[in-house]
Amino acid sequence: MGSNSFRRIVGHFADGKYTELSIDSNTMGVGDDVATNGQISDTKLLQILNVLQAFKTACSRDGVPNPVAVGTAAFRDAPNGDAVVVLAEKSGIRMEIATELRESELAYLVGSLGRDGYAVVDNGSRSIELVAKSGGDLQHHVFNLGYRVAYEQFFANANDSAEAIRAFRERLKPETAKAPFMRGQTTLAGVEFMEMAEVLFKEVPDGHVFTLAELKARLDAIAADRFGFGPLRMMDDIDRALPRLVVAVDLMETFGYGELLVTSRQLGAGLIIEAGLR
């Protein structure tokens, strides 16, 4: 139950392999609703209830009668977030509102499939989780510069692409300074970064590894094309892709990585991986 979209994921995890059987997605805009109203509105609560009831029915149909759910940043931020936990319970779904640590733990499982020595970035719509685990010690830093926040703040009304990119990277600096633990891991993994790949690059398989040179070349081309910035912003899902591209390049340069592994796995898959590890 993300700040922008809810996803119903059916899958399993065993022997280090994650298998996704089906996934459904509903754009919900809970984060925008909270930003506008200061809490989750009654209209949005009703919409949430309807979607959760439909998801529960679909889970029962698929032979998985006991679904679990995790709510992310918007539900942490909303003063009435607990009301959604009650709605979920009424729908037959056990829901938790993830703390920043809990969301980071799940993001790490999604990016690493439970392996040690990864640095993982989960760039959601409201928040970004930076998390690494080495020798069993997990460290994390969470901040609210997710792709929707960043796009609205730096790109939506900008006239100069290079200046917008520069301003966003400047804003990232104090946050990455708080995450020195991201350096020196064996693999840098981007959770949900396949959305960036699908919009800004040719089709690539899940688990594709991008080089810093590839990503930086694409970002530099966007920064250099002053007259192409307007048409670029007309592309479908550019708000999901462009901020993630900037984040990817910035993190790779800041923390010293030459490659980024990207995955389409969603945060909810972490619940499945966690269950499989148990």
C-alpha atoms as a PDB file:
ATOM      1  CA  MET A   1       0.000   0.000   0.000  1.00  0.00           C
ATOM      2  CA  GLY A   2       2.256   2.728  -1.320  1.00  0.00           C
ATOM      3  CA  SER A   3       1.750   6.464  -1.151  1.00  0.00           C
ATOM      4  CA  ASN A   4       0.779   6.532  -4.836  1.00  0.00           C
ATOM      5  CA  SER A   5      -0.222   2.967  -5.801  1.00  0.00           C
ATOM      6  CA  PHE A   6      -1.585  -0.176  -4.149  1.00  0.00           C
ATOM      7  CA  ARG A   7      -0.381  -3.500  -5.522  1.00  0.00           C
ATOM      8  CA  ARG A   8      -1.685  -7.007  -4.931  1.00  0.00           C
ATOM      9  CA  ILE A   9       1.187  -9.442  -5.331  1.00  0.00           C
ATOM     10  CA  VAL A  10       0.955 -13.233  -5.288  1.00  0.00           C
ATOM     11  CA  GLY A  11       4.260 -15.057  -5.202  1.00  0.00           C
ATOM     12  CA  HIS A  12       6.655 -17.245  -3.273  1.00  0.00           C
ATOM     13  CA  PHE A  13      10.307 -17.334  -2.274  1.00  0.00           C
ATOM     14  CA  ALA A  14      12.425 -20.441  -1.776  1.00  0.00           C
ATOM     15  CA  ASP A  15      16.083 -21.413  -2.205  1.00  0.00           C
ATOM     16  CA  GLY A  16      17.064 -17.834  -2.910  1.00  0.00           C
ATOM     17  CA  LYS A  17      14.623 -17.493  -5.817  1.00  0.00           C
ATOM     18  CA  TYR A  18      11.636 -15.159  -5.904  1.00  0.00           C
ATOM     19  CA  THR A  19       8.747 -16.140  -8.183  1.00  0.00           C
ATOM     20  CA  GLU A  20       5.907 -13.722  -8.867  1.00  0.00           C
ATOM     21  CA  LEU A  21       2.694 -15.406  -9.955  1.00  0.00           C
ATOM     22  CA  SER A  22       0.518 -12.342 -10.460  1.00  0.00           C
ATOM     23  CA  ILE A  23       0.398  -8.628  -9.719  1.00  0.00           C
ATOM     24  CA  ASP A  24      -2.459  -6.107  -9.863  1.00  0.00           C
ATOM     25  CA  SER A  25      -2.030  -2.362  -9.423  1.00  0.00           C
ATOM     26  CA  ASN A  26      -4.365   0.515  -8.536  1.00  0.00           C
ATOM     27  CA  THR A  27      -3.254   4.147  -8.589  1.00  0.00           C
ATOM     28  CA  MET A  28      -4.610   5.577  -5.338  1.00  0.00           C
ATOM     29  CA  GLY A  29      -2.843   8.904  -4.710  1.00  0.00           C
ATOM     30  CA  VAL A  30      -2.999   8.634  -0.922  1.00  0.00           C
ATOM     31  CA  GLY A  31       0.132  10.766  -0.532  1.00  0.00           C
ATOM     32  CA  ASP A  32      -1.362  13.572  -2.615  1.00  0.00           C
ATOM     33  CA  ASP A  33      -4.591  13.303  -0.626  1.00  0.00           C
ATOM     34  CA  VAL A  34      -2.712  13.643   2.680  1.00  0.00           C
ATOM     35  CA  ALA A  35      -0.680  16.577   1.337  1.00  0.00           C
ATOM     36  CA  THR A  36      -3.896  18.363   0.291  1.00  0.00           C
ATOM     37  CA  ASN A  37      -6.094  17.589   3.298  1.00  0.00           C
ATOM     38  CA  GLY A  38      -3.658  17.104   6.164  1.00  0.00           C
ATOM     39  CA  GLN A  39      -5.018  13.585   6.650  1.00  0.00           C
ATOM     40  CA  ILE A  40      -6.627  10.808   4.636  1.00  0.00           C
ATOM     41  CA  SER A  41      -9.978  12.220   3.508  1.00  0.00           C
ATOM     42  CA  ASP A  42     -13.277  10.397   4.002  1.00  0.00           C
ATOM     43  CA  THR A  43     -13.603  10.033   0.238  1.00  0.00           C
ATOM     44  CA  LYS A  44     -10.164   8.427   0.023  1.00  0.00           C
ATOM     45  CA  LEU A  45     -10.917   6.134   2.983  1.00  0.00           C
ATOM     46  CA  LEU A  46     -13.964   4.812   1.153  1.00  0.00           C
ATOM     47  CA  GLN A  47     -11.915   4.280  -1.996  1.00  0.00           C
ATOM     48  CA  ILE A  48      -9.287   2.417   0.031  1.00  0.00           C
ATOM     49  CA  LEU A  49     -11.941   0.187   1.590  1.00  0.00           C
ATOM     50  CA  ASN A  50     -13.380  -0.693  -1.821  1.00  0.00           C
ATOM     51  CA  VAL A  51      -9.961  -1.564  -3.249  1.00  0.00           C
ATOM     52  CA  LEU A  52      -8.971  -3.664  -0.238  1.00  0.00           C
ATOM     53  CA  GLN A  53     -12.227  -5.596  -0.383  1.00  0.00           C
ATOM     54  CA  ALA A  54     -11.675  -6.266  -4.078  1.00  0.00           C
ATOM     55  CA  PHE A  55      -8.091  -7.374  -3.388  1.00  0.00           C
ATOM     56  CA  LYS A  56      -9.258  -9.728  -0.629  1.00  0.00           C
ATOM     57  CA  THR A  57     -11.825 -11.293  -2.967  1.00  0.00           C
ATOM     58  CA  ALA A  58      -9.146 -11.759  -5.639  1.00  0.00           C
ATOM     59  CA  CYS A  59      -6.764 -13.345  -3.112  1.00  0.00           C
ATOM     60  CA  SER A  60      -9.426 -15.827  -2.019  1.00  0.00           C
ATOM     61  CA  ARG A  61     -10.085 -16.661  -5.659  1.00  0.00           C
ATOM     62  CA  ASP A  62      -6.362 -17.281  -6.158  1.00  0.00           C
ATOM     63  CA  GLY A  63      -6.213 -19.660  -3.203  1.00  0.00           C
ATOM     64  CA  VAL A  64      -4.347 -17.312  -0.846  1.00  0.00           C
ATOM     65  CA  PRO A  65      -6.990 -16.563   1.785  1.00  0.00           C
ATOM     66  CA  ASN A  66      -4.796 -14.772   4.381  1.00  0.00           C
ATOM     67  CA  PRO A  67      -3.194 -11.741   2.713  1.00  0.00           C
ATOM     68  CA  VAL A  68      -0.947  -9.308   4.548  1.00  0.00           C
ATOM     69  CA  ALA A  69      -0.265  -5.690   3.671  1.00  0.00           C
ATOM     70  CA  VAL A  70       2.214  -2.947   4.452  1.00  0.00           C
ATOM     71  CA  GLY A  71       1.517   0.791   4.292  1.00  0.00           C
ATOM     72  CA  THR A  72       4.361   3.202   3.559  1.00  0.00           C
ATOM     73  CA  ALA A  73       5.171   6.908   4.002  1.00  0.00           C
ATOM     74  CA  ALA A  74       1.714   8.419   3.432  1.00  0.00           C
ATOM     75  CA  PHE A  75       0.234   6.240   6.158  1.00  0.00           C
ATOM     76  CA  ARG A  76       3.052   7.139   8.560  1.00  0.00           C
ATOM     77  CA  ASP A  77       2.482  10.819   7.850  1.00  0.00           C
ATOM     78  CA  ALA A  78      -1.322  10.791   8.110  1.00  0.00           C
ATOM     79  CA  PRO A  79      -2.667  11.440  11.625  1.00  0.00           C
ATOM     80  CA  ASN A  80      -5.538   9.043  10.864  1.00  0.00           C
ATOM     81  CA  GLY A  81      -3.393   6.341   9.275  1.00  0.00           C
ATOM     82  CA  ASP A  82      -4.532   3.836  11.903  1.00  0.00           C
ATOM     83  CA  ALA A  83      -8.067   4.124  10.512  1.00  0.00           C
ATOM     84  CA  VAL A  84      -6.833   2.306   7.415  1.00  0.00           C
ATOM     85  CA  VAL A  85      -5.516  -0.553   9.553  1.00  0.00           C
ATOM     86  CA  VAL A  86      -9.080  -0.936  10.883  1.00  0.00           C
ATOM     87  CA  LEU A  87     -10.515  -0.881   7.346  1.00  0.00           C
ATOM     88  CA  ALA A  88      -8.017  -3.519   6.273  1.00  0.00           C
ATOM     89  CA  GLU A  89      -8.969  -5.721   9.219  1.00  0.00           C
ATOM     90  CA  LYS A  90     -12.638  -5.401   8.279  1.00  0.00           C
ATOM     91  CA  SER A  91     -11.666  -6.519   4.777  1.00  0.00           C
ATOM     92  CA  GLY A  92      -9.873  -9.600   6.124  1.00  0.00           C
ATOM     93  CA  ILE A  93      -6.356  -8.232   5.577  1.00  0.00           C
ATOM     94  CA  ARG A  94      -3.681  -7.943   8.270  1.00  0.00           C
ATOM     95  CA  MET A  95      -2.004  -4.584   7.697  1.00  0.00           C
ATOM     96  CA  GLU A  96       0.984  -2.885   9.273  1.00  0.00           C
ATOM     97  CA  ILE A  97       2.091   0.712   8.869  1.00  0.00           C
ATOM     98  CA  ALA A  98       5.827   0.431   8.364  1.00  0.00           C
ATOM     99  CA  THR A  99       8.220   2.517  10.395  1.00  0.00           C
ATOM    100  CA  GLU A 100      11.178   3.927   8.480  1.00  0.00           C
ATOM    101  CA  LEU A 101      13.294   1.037   9.778  1.00  0.00           C
ATOM    102  CA  ARG A 102      10.702  -1.569   8.825  1.00  0.00           C
ATOM    103  CA  GLU A 103      10.290  -0.154   5.318  1.00  0.00           C
ATOM    104  CA  SER A 104      14.063  -0.161   4.927  1.00  0.00           C
ATOM    105  CA  GLU A 105      14.256  -3.803   6.060  1.00  0.00           C
ATOM    106  CA  LEU A 106      11.671  -4.807   3.460  1.00  0.00           C
ATOM    107  CA  ALA A 107      13.365  -2.728   0.756  1.00  0.00           C
ATOM    108  CA  TYR A 108      16.633  -4.499   1.508  1.00  0.00           C
ATOM    109  CA  LEU A 109      14.987  -7.915   1.141  1.00  0.00           C
ATOM    110  CA  VAL A 110      13.465  -6.858  -2.186  1.00  0.00           C
ATOM    111  CA  GLY A 111      16.745  -5.564  -3.594  1.00  0.00           C
ATOM    112  CA  SER A 112      19.057  -8.257  -2.228  1.00  0.00           C
ATOM    113  CA  LEU A 113      16.786 -11.332  -1.996  1.00  0.00           C
ATOM    114  CA  GLY A 114      18.155 -11.710   1.523  1.00  0.00           C
ATOM    115  CA  ARG A 115      21.846 -11.726   0.592  1.00  0.00           C
ATOM    116  CA  ASP A 116      24.451  -9.828   2.611  1.00  0.00           C
ATOM    117  CA  GLY A 117      26.687  -7.088   1.230  1.00  0.00           C
ATOM    118  CA  TYR A 118      24.165  -5.055  -0.795  1.00  0.00           C
ATOM    119  CA  ALA A 119      23.468  -1.330  -0.889  1.00  0.00           C
ATOM    120  CA  VAL A 120      19.806  -0.809  -1.831  1.00  0.00           C
ATOM    121  CA  VAL A 121      17.925   2.312  -2.857  1.00  0.00           C
ATOM    122  CA  ASP A 122      14.131   2.233  -2.887  1.00  0.00           C
ATOM    123  CA  ASN A 123      12.909   5.388  -4.634  1.00  0.00           C
ATOM    124  CA  GLY A 124       9.166   5.504  -3.941  1.00  0.00           C
ATOM    125  CA  SER A 125       6.690   8.263  -4.681  1.00  0.00           C
ATOM    126  CA  ARG A 126       7.086  10.079  -1.347  1.00  0.00           C
ATOM    127  CA  SER A 127      10.232   8.742   0.295  1.00  0.00           C
ATOM    128  CA  ILE A 128      13.623   7.305  -0.572  1.00  0.00           C
ATOM    129  CA  GLU A 129      15.144   4.523   1.510  1.00  0.00           C
ATOM    130  CA  LEU A 130      18.913   4.050   1.488  1.00  0.00           C
ATOM    131  CA  VAL A 131      19.822   0.798   3.221  1.00  0.00           C
ATOM    132  CA  ALA A 132      22.841  -1.487   3.382  1.00  0.00           C
ATOM    133  CA  LYS A 133      23.690  -4.665   5.242  1.00  0.00           C
ATOM    134  CA  SER A 134      27.170  -5.979   5.869  1.00  0.00           C
ATOM    135  CA  GLY A 135      28.095  -8.716   8.342  1.00  0.00           C
ATOM    136  CA  GLY A 136      24.467  -8.888   9.422  1.00  0.00           C
ATOM    137  CA  ASP A 137      24.427  -5.205  10.453  1.00  0.00           C
ATOM    138  CA  LEU A 138      21.654  -3.255   8.673  1.00  0.00           C
ATOM    139  CA  GLN A 139      21.887   0.532   8.449  1.00  0.00           C
ATOM    140  CA  HIS A 140      19.400   2.894   6.838  1.00  0.00           C
ATOM    141  CA  HIS A 141      18.478   6.479   6.075  1.00  0.00           C
ATOM    142  CA  VAL A 142      15.021   7.609   4.902  1.00  0.00           C
ATOM    143  CA  PHE A 143      14.058  11.021   3.526  1.00  0.00           C
ATOM    144  CA  ASN A 144      11.045  12.512   1.751  1.00  0.00           C
ATOM    145  CA  LEU A 145      12.322  13.227  -1.749  1.00  0.00           C
ATOM    146  CA  GLY A 146      10.487  10.470  -3.606  1.00  0.00           C
ATOM    147  CA  TYR A 147       9.847  10.760  -7.319  1.00  0.00           C
ATOM    148  CA  ARG A 148       6.517  12.607  -7.101  1.00  0.00           C
ATOM    149  CA  VAL A 149       7.834  15.048  -4.511  1.00  0.00           C
ATOM    150  CA  ALA A 150      11.002  15.644  -6.518  1.00  0.00           C
ATOM    151  CA  TYR A 151       9.229  15.984  -9.864  1.00  0.00           C
ATOM    152  CA  GLU A 152       6.775  18.575  -8.548  1.00  0.00           C
ATOM    153  CA  GLN A 153       9.483  20.509  -6.710  1.00  0.00           C
ATOM    154  CA  PHE A 154      12.238  20.532  -9.328  1.00  0.00           C
ATOM    155  CA  PHE A 155      10.945  19.545 -12.780  1.00  0.00           C
ATOM    156  CA  ALA A 156       7.233  20.194 -13.311  1.00  0.00           C
ATOM    157  CA  ASN A 157       7.535  23.958 -13.765  1.00  0.00           C
ATOM    158  CA  ALA A 158      11.207  24.291 -14.695  1.00  0.00           C
ATOM    159  CA  ASN A 159      12.325  25.950 -17.915  1.00  0.00           C
ATOM    160  CA  ASP A 160      15.906  24.717 -17.893  1.00  0.00           C
ATOM    161  CA  SER A 161      16.555  20.978 -17.588  1.00  0.00           C
ATOM    162  CA  ALA A 162      20.196  21.406 -16.584  1.00  0.00           C
ATOM    163  CA  GLU A 163      19.301  23.818 -13.780  1.00  0.00           C
ATOM    164  CA  ALA A 164      16.502  21.550 -12.537  1.00  0.00           C
ATOM    165  CA  ILE A 165      18.867  18.568 -12.420  1.00  0.00           C
ATOM    166  CA  ARG A 166      21.536  20.633 -10.661  1.00  0.00           C
ATOM    167  CA  ALA A 167      19.054  21.908  -8.053  1.00  0.00           C
ATOM    168  CA  PHE A 168      17.783  18.406  -7.327  1.00  0.00           C
ATOM    169  CA  ARG A 169      21.309  17.061  -6.927  1.00  0.00           C
ATOM    170  CA  GLU A 170      22.157  19.893  -4.547  1.00  0.00           C
ATOM    171  CA  ARG A 171      19.130  18.965  -2.454  1.00  0.00           C
ATOM    172  CA  LEU A 172      20.262  15.327  -2.385  1.00  0.00           C
ATOM    173  CA  LYS A 173      23.708  16.185  -1.000  1.00  0.00           C
ATOM    174  CA  PRO A 174      22.779  16.611   2.690  1.00  0.00           C
ATOM    175  CA  GLU A 175      20.809  13.367   2.571  1.00  0.00           C
ATOM    176  CA  THR A 176      23.503  11.214   0.973  1.00  0.00           C
ATOM    177  CA  ALA A 177      25.979  12.678   3.479  1.00  0.00           C
ATOM    178  CA  LYS A 178      23.972  10.889   6.169  1.00  0.00           C
ATOM    179  CA  ALA A 179      24.428   7.492   4.513  1.00  0.00           C
ATOM    180  CA  PRO A 180      28.176   6.721   4.344  1.00  0.00           C
ATOM    181  CA  PHE A 181      27.269   3.068   4.974  1.00  0.00           C
ATOM    182  CA  MET A 182      26.190   2.857   1.331  1.00  0.00           C
ATOM    183  CA  ARG A 183      29.843   2.822   0.243  1.00  0.00           C
ATOM    184  CA  GLY A 184      31.885  -0.291  -0.404  1.00  0.00           C
ATOM    185  CA  GLN A 185      29.167  -2.947  -0.769  1.00  0.00           C
ATOM    186  CA  THR A 186      29.398  -5.652  -3.418  1.00  0.00           C
ATOM    187  CA  THR A 187      26.249  -4.557  -5.318  1.00  0.00           C
ATOM    188  CA  LEU A 188      24.155  -1.396  -5.636  1.00  0.00           C
ATOM    189  CA  ALA A 189      20.517  -2.338  -6.342  1.00  0.00           C
ATOM    190  CA  GLY A 190      17.606  -0.091  -7.289  1.00  0.00           C
ATOM    191  CA  VAL A 191      14.125  -1.225  -6.206  1.00  0.00           C
ATOM    192  CA  GLU A 192      11.411  -0.341  -8.763  1.00  0.00           C
ATOM    193  CA  PHE A 193      14.010   1.303 -11.025  1.00  0.00           C
ATOM    194  CA  MET A 194      12.697  -0.717 -13.948  1.00  0.00           C
ATOM    195  CA  GLU A 195      10.121   2.081 -14.309  1.00  0.00           C
ATOM    196  CA  MET A 196      13.021   4.400 -15.122  1.00  0.00           C
ATOM    197  CA  ALA A 197      14.410   1.897 -17.612  1.00  0.00           C
ATOM    198  CA  GLU A 198      11.076   1.385 -19.374  1.00  0.00           C
ATOM    199  CA  VAL A 199      10.573   5.115 -19.965  1.00  0.00           C
ATOM    200  CA  LEU A 200      14.086   6.371 -20.725  1.00  0.00           C
ATOM    201  CA  PHE A 201      15.852   3.360 -22.229  1.00  0.00           C
ATOM    202  CA  LYS A 202      15.189   0.520 -24.605  1.00  0.00           C
ATOM    203  CA  GLU A 203      13.471  -2.546 -23.212  1.00  0.00           C
ATOM    204  CA  VAL A 204      15.694  -4.385 -20.753  1.00  0.00           C
ATOM    205  CA  PRO A 205      15.022  -7.525 -18.668  1.00  0.00           C
ATOM    206  CA  ASP A 206      14.310  -7.441 -14.955  1.00  0.00           C
ATOM    207  CA  GLY A 207      17.619  -7.626 -13.118  1.00  0.00           C
ATOM    208  CA  HIS A 208      19.432  -5.656 -15.838  1.00  0.00           C
ATOM    209  CA  VAL A 209      22.702  -4.006 -14.823  1.00  0.00           C
ATOM    210  CA  PHE A 210      23.238  -0.429 -16.017  1.00  0.00           C
ATOM    211  CA  THR A 211      26.685   1.137 -16.051  1.00  0.00           C
ATOM    212  CA  LEU A 212      27.272   4.608 -14.671  1.00  0.00           C
ATOM    213  CA  ALA A 213      28.452   5.655 -18.130  1.00  0.00           C
ATOM    214  CA  GLU A 214      25.091   4.639 -19.687  1.00  0.00           C
ATOM    215  CA  LEU A 215      22.997   6.428 -17.102  1.00  0.00           C
ATOM    216  CA  LYS A 216      25.159   9.541 -17.035  1.00  0.00           C
ATOM    217  CA  ALA A 217      25.120   9.797 -20.837  1.00  0.00           C
ATOM    218  CA  ARG A 218      21.306   9.784 -20.819  1.00  0.00           C
ATOM    219  CA  LEU A 219      21.130  12.353 -18.036  1.00  0.00           C
ATOM    220  CA  ASP A 220      23.720  14.593 -19.694  1.00  0.00           C
ATOM    221  CA  ALA A 221      21.760  14.447 -22.961  1.00  0.00           C
ATOM    222  CA  ILE A 222      18.608  15.592 -21.151  1.00  0.00           C
ATOM    223  CA  ALA A 223      20.512  18.400 -19.444  1.00  0.00           C
ATOM    224  CA  ALA A 224      22.032  19.571 -22.743  1.00  0.00           C
ATOM    225  CA  ASP A 225      18.781  19.559 -24.740  1.00  0.00           C
ATOM    226  CA  ARG A 226      17.139  22.789 -23.621  1.00  0.00           C
ATOM    227  CA  PHE A 227      14.476  22.702 -26.323  1.00  0.00           C
ATOM    228  CA  GLY A 228      13.653  19.040 -25.740  1.00  0.00           C
ATOM    229  CA  PHE A 229      12.720  19.455 -22.076  1.00  0.00           C
ATOM    230  CA  GLY A 230       9.128  20.406 -22.852  1.00  0.00           C
ATOM    231  CA  PRO A 231       8.439  17.395 -25.090  1.00  0.00           C
ATOM    232  CA  LEU A 232      10.256  15.131 -22.618  1.00  0.00           C
ATOM    233  CA  ARG A 233       7.816  16.124 -19.892  1.00  0.00           C
ATOM    234  CA  MET A 234       4.933  15.053 -22.103  1.00  0.00           C
ATOM    235  CA  MET A 235       6.113  11.434 -22.046  1.00  0.00           C
ATOM    236  CA  ASP A 236       3.990   8.967 -20.092  1.00  0.00           C
ATOM    237  CA  ASP A 237       5.360   8.326 -16.595  1.00  0.00           C
ATOM    238  CA  ILE A 238       8.233  10.768 -16.989  1.00  0.00           C
ATOM    239  CA  ASP A 239       7.531  11.865 -13.397  1.00  0.00           C
ATOM    240  CA  ARG A 240       8.382   8.317 -12.281  1.00  0.00           C
ATOM    241  CA  ALA A 241      11.477   8.054 -14.459  1.00  0.00           C
ATOM    242  CA  LEU A 242      13.402  11.336 -14.550  1.00  0.00           C
ATOM    243  CA  PRO A 243      13.868  11.838 -10.779  1.00  0.00           C
ATOM    244  CA  ARG A 244      14.985   8.209 -10.457  1.00  0.00           C
ATOM    245  CA  LEU A 245      17.568   8.708 -13.203  1.00  0.00           C
ATOM    246  CA  VAL A 246      18.995  11.688 -11.337  1.00  0.00           C
ATOM    247  CA  VAL A 247      19.032   9.714  -8.073  1.00  0.00           C
ATOM    248  CA  ALA A 248      20.731   6.740  -9.736  1.00  0.00           C
ATOM    249  CA  VAL A 249      23.546   8.841 -11.212  1.00  0.00           C
ATOM    250  CA  ASP A 250      23.972  10.882  -8.046  1.00  0.00           C
ATOM    251  CA  LEU A 251      24.191   7.840  -5.763  1.00  0.00           C
ATOM    252  CA  MET A 252      26.579   5.982  -8.064  1.00  0.00           C
ATOM    253  CA  GLU A 253      28.928   8.961  -8.256  1.00  0.00           C
ATOM    254  CA  THR A 254      28.635   9.809  -4.557  1.00  0.00           C
ATOM    255  CA  PHE A 255      29.179   6.289  -3.250  1.00  0.00           C
ATOM    256  CA  GLY A 256      31.587   5.047  -5.907  1.00  0.00           C
ATOM    257  CA  TYR A 257      29.619   2.454  -7.898  1.00  0.00           C
ATOM    258  CA  GLY A 258      30.149   1.741 -11.580  1.00  0.00           C
ATOM    259  CA  GLU A 259      27.041  -0.410 -11.963  1.00  0.00           C
ATOM    260  CA  LEU A 260      23.407  -0.419 -10.819  1.00  0.00           C
ATOM    261  CA  LEU A 261      21.250  -3.547 -10.773  1.00  0.00           C
ATOM    262  CA  VAL A 262      17.605  -2.631 -11.407  1.00  0.00           C
ATOM    263  CA  THR A 263      14.534  -4.642 -10.477  1.00  0.00           C
ATOM    264  CA  SER A 264      10.802  -4.258 -10.962  1.00  0.00           C
ATOM    265  CA  ARG A 265      10.072  -6.003  -7.641  1.00  0.00           C
ATOM    266  CA  GLN A 266       7.812  -3.935  -5.423  1.00  0.00           C
ATOM    267  CA  LEU A 267       8.149  -3.310  -1.679  1.00  0.00           C
ATOM    268  CA  GLY A 268       5.324  -5.761  -0.950  1.00  0.00           C
ATOM    269  CA  ALA A 269       7.461  -8.553  -2.367  1.00  0.00           C
ATOM    270  CA  GLY A 270       9.559  -8.098   0.754  1.00  0.00           C
ATOM    271  CA  LEU A 271       6.738  -9.645   2.794  1.00  0.00           C
ATOM    272  CA  ILE A 272       6.823 -12.702   0.548  1.00  0.00           C
ATOM    273  CA  ILE A 273      10.622 -12.976   0.689  1.00  0.00           C
ATOM    274  CA  GLU A 274      10.532 -12.556   4.475  1.00  0.00           C
ATOM    275  CA  ALA A 275       7.977 -15.351   4.806  1.00  0.00           C
ATOM    276  CA  GLY A 276      10.079 -17.615   2.585  1.00  0.00           C
ATOM    277  CA  LEU A 277      13.189 -16.977   4.679  1.00  0.00           C
ATOM    278  CA  ARG A 278      11.263 -17.929   7.833  1.00  0.00           C
END
